[in-house]
């Protein structure tokens, strides 16, 4: 039975080694399956967009450069023939699909052989869990350094999707992070060392990390000394909010007074007109 060194989440090596599951790690390496899987994987990465122009795609050459007979030179039909300078290309690449496929069992055998090869070399490491509360490249680099893998091509296989580990490792050039079921034979052979989370091999998913207690967060915050607090003068209470509130109140009062119609003053009473005195008739005494 193959064994692998076991490490804690902080990178400390445990005394007892981790016994790899026998159904997957039986020690056999099938090289023909590995060769076929790697060749297929690399071929599927090709875009197949290379193209050269044949004589039918080169512009020009619509007429004979000279007449058929009488010049003493060889007969020519076009200046875009392949043996002419600037002519078409013979048997050049053209757009095609390089994608091929292999049987599913051959692919599984190749993946199993690649993992067995790394386990036999002692390049397979098991970590209890990747304890990342947030993406932190420095934390991952420190973990790899404690495992003795700094500066090497490393493949990290997580138990399920772990975005924090992926974001922590994508900034390191020689580190590749992916879930354990998605690793192909080429990915394992590309790396010089493989680090696997224990839950990926045992099938037991790790529990989510508990939130940090408030006391721990308070302890992390730097405390100011009493002398510094006393040295700093107390800040004056700003009067800006009160002044703003007073301005707003004055504006609202002006608007309200402008909207109300002005009260009409009572009209002054006109004095009653005096009646003219009756005229005296002539001859009356």
Protein backbone atom coordinates (compact mmCIF):
# COMPACT_ATOMS: atom_id res chain seq x y z
CA UNK A 1 0.00 0.00 0.00
CA UNK A 2 1.31 3.41 -0.97
CA UNK A 3 1.63 6.13 1.64
CA UNK A 4 2.06 9.90 1.45
CA UNK A 5 3.25 12.43 4.03
CA UNK A 6 0.42 14.15 5.89
CA UNK A 7 0.53 17.84 6.82
CA UNK A 8 -1.69 20.05 8.92
CA UNK A 9 -3.46 23.13 7.59
CA UNK A 10 -0.54 25.27 8.76
CA UNK A 11 2.04 23.06 7.00
CA UNK A 12 3.35 21.10 10.01
CA UNK A 13 4.17 17.50 9.15
CA UNK A 14 2.30 14.84 11.12
CA UNK A 15 4.03 11.81 12.58
CA UNK A 16 1.70 9.27 10.99
CA UNK A 17 1.69 8.98 7.19
CA UNK A 18 -1.51 8.99 5.18
CA UNK A 19 -2.47 5.62 3.66
CA UNK A 20 -3.60 6.23 0.08
CA UNK A 21 -6.80 4.40 -0.99
CA UNK A 22 -5.92 1.10 -2.64
CA UNK A 23 -8.61 1.21 -5.33
CA UNK A 24 -6.91 4.19 -6.96
CA UNK A 25 -3.28 3.91 -5.84
CA UNK A 26 -2.22 0.37 -6.70
CA UNK A 27 1.24 1.33 -7.95
CA UNK A 28 0.74 0.47 -11.64
CA UNK A 29 1.78 2.95 -14.35
CA UNK A 30 0.43 2.28 -17.86
CA UNK A 31 2.75 4.24 -20.17
CA UNK A 32 0.87 3.66 -23.48
CA UNK A 33 -2.32 5.07 -21.92
CA UNK A 34 -0.34 8.05 -20.61
CA UNK A 35 1.13 8.71 -24.07
CA UNK A 36 -2.25 8.55 -25.75
CA UNK A 37 -3.88 10.81 -23.15
CA UNK A 38 -1.16 13.45 -23.35
CA UNK A 39 -1.14 13.44 -27.16
CA UNK A 40 -4.91 13.82 -27.26
CA UNK A 41 -4.89 16.61 -24.67
CA UNK A 42 -2.25 18.65 -26.52
CA UNK A 43 -3.95 18.09 -29.87
CA UNK A 44 -7.26 19.35 -28.48
CA UNK A 45 -5.58 22.62 -27.44
CA UNK A 46 -4.71 23.49 -31.06
CA UNK A 47 -6.89 26.08 -32.77
CA UNK A 48 -6.23 24.83 -36.30
CA UNK A 49 -6.49 28.29 -37.90
CA UNK A 50 -3.18 28.26 -39.84
CA UNK A 51 -3.62 28.86 -43.57
CA UNK A 52 -1.47 29.64 -46.61
CA UNK A 53 -2.62 30.80 -50.07
CA UNK A 54 -2.58 28.37 -52.93
CA UNK A 55 -2.27 29.61 -56.54
CA UNK A 56 -6.05 30.02 -56.77
CA UNK A 57 -6.05 32.55 -53.87
CA UNK A 58 -3.09 34.71 -55.03
CA UNK A 59 -4.18 37.82 -56.91
CA UNK A 60 -2.85 38.47 -60.41
CA UNK A 61 -1.54 36.07 -63.06
CA UNK A 62 -4.62 36.21 -65.22
CA UNK A 63 -2.75 36.07 -68.52
CA UNK A 64 0.26 34.29 -69.94
CA UNK A 65 3.52 36.17 -69.33
CA UNK A 66 4.57 35.58 -72.96
CA UNK A 67 3.32 33.72 -75.98
CA UNK A 68 3.48 29.96 -76.19
CA UNK A 69 6.05 29.60 -78.97
CA UNK A 70 8.79 31.55 -80.64
CA UNK A 71 10.54 33.11 -77.65
CA UNK A 72 12.95 30.26 -76.94
CA UNK A 73 11.94 30.19 -73.31
CA UNK A 74 9.89 27.61 -71.48
CA UNK A 75 6.16 27.91 -71.82
CA UNK A 76 4.43 29.56 -68.87
CA UNK A 77 0.75 29.89 -68.17
CA UNK A 78 0.72 32.20 -65.11
CA UNK A 79 3.08 34.20 -62.93
CA UNK A 80 1.28 32.89 -59.83
CA UNK A 81 2.38 29.28 -60.33
CA UNK A 82 4.19 27.74 -57.30
CA UNK A 83 7.64 27.89 -58.96
CA UNK A 84 7.33 31.64 -59.54
CA UNK A 85 8.37 34.24 -56.98
CA UNK A 86 5.20 35.51 -55.29
CA UNK A 87 3.23 32.49 -56.47
CA UNK A 88 1.03 30.14 -54.49
CA UNK A 89 2.14 27.66 -51.83
CA UNK A 90 1.99 23.93 -52.49
CA UNK A 91 0.64 21.63 -49.74
CA UNK A 92 0.49 24.43 -47.17
CA UNK A 93 -1.62 24.24 -43.99
CA UNK A 94 -5.31 24.98 -44.19
CA UNK A 95 -7.90 25.39 -41.39
CA UNK A 96 -8.78 22.07 -39.85
CA UNK A 97 -9.93 20.51 -36.59
CA UNK A 98 -7.25 18.65 -34.66
CA UNK A 99 -9.63 17.47 -31.96
CA UNK A 100 -9.68 13.74 -31.20
CA UNK A 101 -11.15 11.65 -28.43
CA UNK A 102 -10.15 8.58 -26.49
CA UNK A 103 -12.27 6.03 -24.67
CA UNK A 104 -13.41 6.99 -21.20
CA UNK A 105 -11.72 4.01 -19.53
CA UNK A 106 -8.40 4.81 -21.23
CA UNK A 107 -8.65 8.36 -19.92
CA UNK A 108 -9.35 7.08 -16.39
CA UNK A 109 -6.44 4.63 -16.63
CA UNK A 110 -4.09 7.42 -17.72
CA UNK A 111 -5.16 9.63 -14.82
CA UNK A 112 -4.71 6.79 -12.37
CA UNK A 113 -1.27 6.01 -13.79
CA UNK A 114 -0.17 9.65 -13.48
CA UNK A 115 -1.18 9.80 -9.80
CA UNK A 116 0.54 6.48 -9.12
CA UNK A 117 3.71 7.78 -10.77
CA UNK A 118 3.78 10.83 -8.49
CA UNK A 119 3.03 8.70 -5.41
CA UNK A 120 5.84 6.28 -6.23
CA UNK A 121 8.26 9.19 -6.62
CA UNK A 122 7.29 10.62 -3.23
CA UNK A 123 5.97 13.78 -4.92
CA UNK A 124 2.41 13.40 -3.58
CA UNK A 125 1.55 15.35 -0.41
CA UNK A 126 -1.68 15.30 1.58
CA UNK A 127 -2.93 18.32 3.56
CA UNK A 128 -5.68 18.00 6.15
CA UNK A 129 -7.49 21.02 4.71
CA UNK A 130 -6.89 24.35 3.00
CA UNK A 131 -7.94 26.82 5.71
CA UNK A 132 -8.40 30.04 3.73
CA UNK A 133 -10.98 32.47 5.09
CA UNK A 134 -10.21 34.90 2.24
CA UNK A 135 -7.93 34.98 -0.82
CA UNK A 136 -4.37 35.39 0.49
CA UNK A 137 -1.39 34.72 -1.77
CA UNK A 138 1.13 35.16 1.06
CA UNK A 139 -0.61 32.47 3.11
CA UNK A 140 -0.46 29.98 0.24
CA UNK A 141 3.19 30.80 -0.50
CA UNK A 142 4.01 30.23 3.18
CA UNK A 143 2.21 26.87 3.11
CA UNK A 144 4.18 25.72 0.04
CA UNK A 145 7.42 26.88 1.63
CA UNK A 146 6.70 24.84 4.76
CA UNK A 147 6.09 21.80 2.52
CA UNK A 148 9.43 22.40 0.77
CA UNK A 149 7.81 23.14 -2.58
CA UNK A 150 8.73 26.80 -3.04
CA UNK A 151 9.79 27.59 -6.61
CA UNK A 152 8.54 24.27 -8.03
CA UNK A 153 5.62 23.49 -10.30
CA UNK A 154 2.83 22.46 -7.93
CA UNK A 155 -0.68 21.16 -8.59
CA UNK A 156 -3.16 21.83 -5.75
CA UNK A 157 -6.21 19.55 -5.76
CA UNK A 158 -9.06 20.71 -3.52
CA UNK A 159 -12.04 18.76 -2.21
CA UNK A 160 -14.72 20.54 -4.21
CA UNK A 161 -14.79 24.09 -5.49
CA UNK A 162 -12.73 26.43 -3.30
CA UNK A 163 -12.60 29.96 -4.67
CA UNK A 164 -10.35 31.30 -1.92
CA UNK A 165 -7.60 28.81 -2.71
CA UNK A 166 -7.96 29.40 -6.45
CA UNK A 167 -7.71 33.17 -6.10
CA UNK A 168 -4.75 32.78 -3.73
CA UNK A 169 -2.79 30.61 -6.17
CA UNK A 170 -3.51 32.18 -9.54
CA UNK A 171 -0.96 34.95 -8.89
CA UNK A 172 1.86 32.41 -8.42
CA UNK A 173 3.26 31.44 -11.86
CA UNK A 174 4.19 27.81 -11.10
CA UNK A 175 1.02 26.89 -9.15
CA UNK A 176 -2.17 25.46 -10.59
CA UNK A 177 -5.34 25.02 -8.49
CA UNK A 178 -8.35 22.92 -9.45
CA UNK A 179 -10.87 20.53 -7.88
CA UNK A 180 -9.69 16.93 -7.55
CA UNK A 181 -12.21 15.39 -10.03
CA UNK A 182 -11.22 17.86 -12.79
CA UNK A 183 -7.52 17.00 -12.85
CA UNK A 184 -6.44 15.26 -16.07
CA UNK A 185 -3.40 13.07 -16.65
CA UNK A 186 -1.57 15.94 -18.37
CA UNK A 187 -2.12 18.25 -15.37
CA UNK A 188 -0.58 15.70 -13.01
CA UNK A 189 2.39 15.04 -15.30
CA UNK A 190 2.95 18.78 -15.83
CA UNK A 191 3.52 19.33 -12.13
CA UNK A 192 6.61 18.35 -10.19
CA UNK A 193 4.62 17.84 -6.99
CA UNK A 194 0.94 17.27 -6.20
CA UNK A 195 -0.74 18.55 -3.01
CA UNK A 196 -4.13 16.95 -2.34
CA UNK A 197 -6.67 17.90 0.30
CA UNK A 198 -7.50 14.98 2.56
CA UNK A 199 -11.23 15.25 1.96
CA UNK A 200 -10.71 14.67 -1.78
CA UNK A 201 -9.23 11.20 -1.10
CA UNK A 202 -11.51 10.15 1.78
CA UNK A 203 -14.71 11.52 0.27
CA UNK A 204 -15.55 13.51 3.42
CA UNK A 205 -16.02 17.17 2.65
CA UNK A 206 -14.38 19.53 5.17
CA UNK A 207 -16.70 21.58 7.35
CA UNK A 208 -16.84 25.32 6.70
CA UNK A 209 -14.52 27.42 8.79
CA UNK A 210 -16.08 28.92 11.89
CA UNK A 211 -16.22 32.69 12.18
CA UNK A 212 -13.54 34.32 14.27
CA UNK A 213 -14.70 35.47 17.74
CA UNK A 214 -14.98 39.18 18.40
CA UNK A 215 -12.31 39.04 21.12
CA UNK A 216 -9.75 37.83 18.60
CA UNK A 217 -10.54 40.65 16.19
CA UNK A 218 -10.29 43.20 18.99
CA UNK A 219 -6.95 41.79 20.05
CA UNK A 220 -5.62 42.17 16.50
CA UNK A 221 -6.50 45.89 16.39
CA UNK A 222 -3.60 48.06 17.61
CA UNK A 223 -4.32 49.82 20.91
CA UNK A 224 -3.21 53.45 21.39
CA UNK A 225 -1.36 54.28 24.56
CA UNK A 226 -2.93 56.52 27.21
CA UNK A 227 -0.13 59.07 26.84
CA UNK A 228 -0.84 59.53 23.13
CA UNK A 229 -4.51 60.00 23.85
CA UNK A 230 -3.73 62.66 26.46
CA UNK A 231 -1.24 64.44 24.19
CA UNK A 232 -3.74 64.89 21.39
CA UNK A 233 -6.06 67.89 21.93
CA UNK A 234 -9.74 67.17 22.01
CA UNK A 235 -11.53 67.96 18.80
CA UNK A 236 -13.94 70.85 18.89
CA UNK A 237 -17.52 70.01 18.29
CA UNK A 238 -18.28 71.14 14.81
CA UNK A 239 -21.07 73.67 14.43
CA UNK A 240 -21.62 72.91 10.77
CA UNK A 241 -24.61 70.57 11.22
CA UNK A 242 -26.45 73.12 13.42
CA UNK A 243 -25.76 75.95 10.97
CA UNK A 244 -26.99 73.85 8.06
CA UNK A 245 -30.16 72.98 9.93
CA UNK A 246 -30.81 76.66 10.70
CA UNK A 247 -30.31 77.61 7.03
CA UNK A 248 -32.72 74.90 5.91
CA UNK A 249 -35.33 76.07 8.43
CA UNK A 250 -34.99 79.69 7.22
CA UNK A 251 -35.35 78.65 3.57
CA UNK A 252 -38.44 76.56 4.32
CA UNK A 253 -39.99 79.50 6.25
CA UNK A 254 -39.36 81.85 3.29
CA UNK A 255 -40.94 79.39 0.87
CA UNK A 256 -43.99 78.98 3.10
CA UNK A 257 -44.44 82.76 3.46
CA UNK A 258 -44.10 83.24 -0.30
CA UNK A 259 -46.79 80.65 -1.04
CA UNK A 260 -49.43 82.20 1.36
CA UNK A 261 -51.49 85.09 -0.24
CA UNK A 262 -51.12 88.48 1.46
CA UNK A 263 -54.09 89.46 3.67
CA UNK A 264 -56.28 92.19 2.12
CA UNK A 265 -56.68 95.41 4.13
CA UNK A 266 -60.26 96.60 4.73
CA UNK A 267 -61.23 99.43 2.35
CA UNK A 268 -61.65 102.85 3.96
CA UNK A 269 -65.25 104.12 4.05
CA UNK A 270 -65.94 107.13 1.80
CA UNK A 271 -67.69 110.13 3.43
CA UNK A 272 -71.34 110.49 2.48
CA UNK A 273 -71.94 113.10 -0.21
CA UNK A 274 -73.81 116.25 1.02
CA UNK A 275 -77.18 116.88 -0.59
CA UNK A 276 -77.39 120.26 -2.32
CA UNK A 277 -79.63 122.85 -0.59
CA UNK A 278 -82.99 123.47 -2.32
CA UNK A 279 -83.05 126.55 -4.50
CA UNK A 280 -85.34 129.37 -3.47
CA UNK A 281 -88.03 130.36 -5.93
CA UNK A 282 -88.09 133.88 -7.18
CA UNK A 283 -90.76 136.05 -5.61
CA UNK A 284 -90.89 134.08 -2.44
CA UNK A 285 -90.30 135.92 0.71
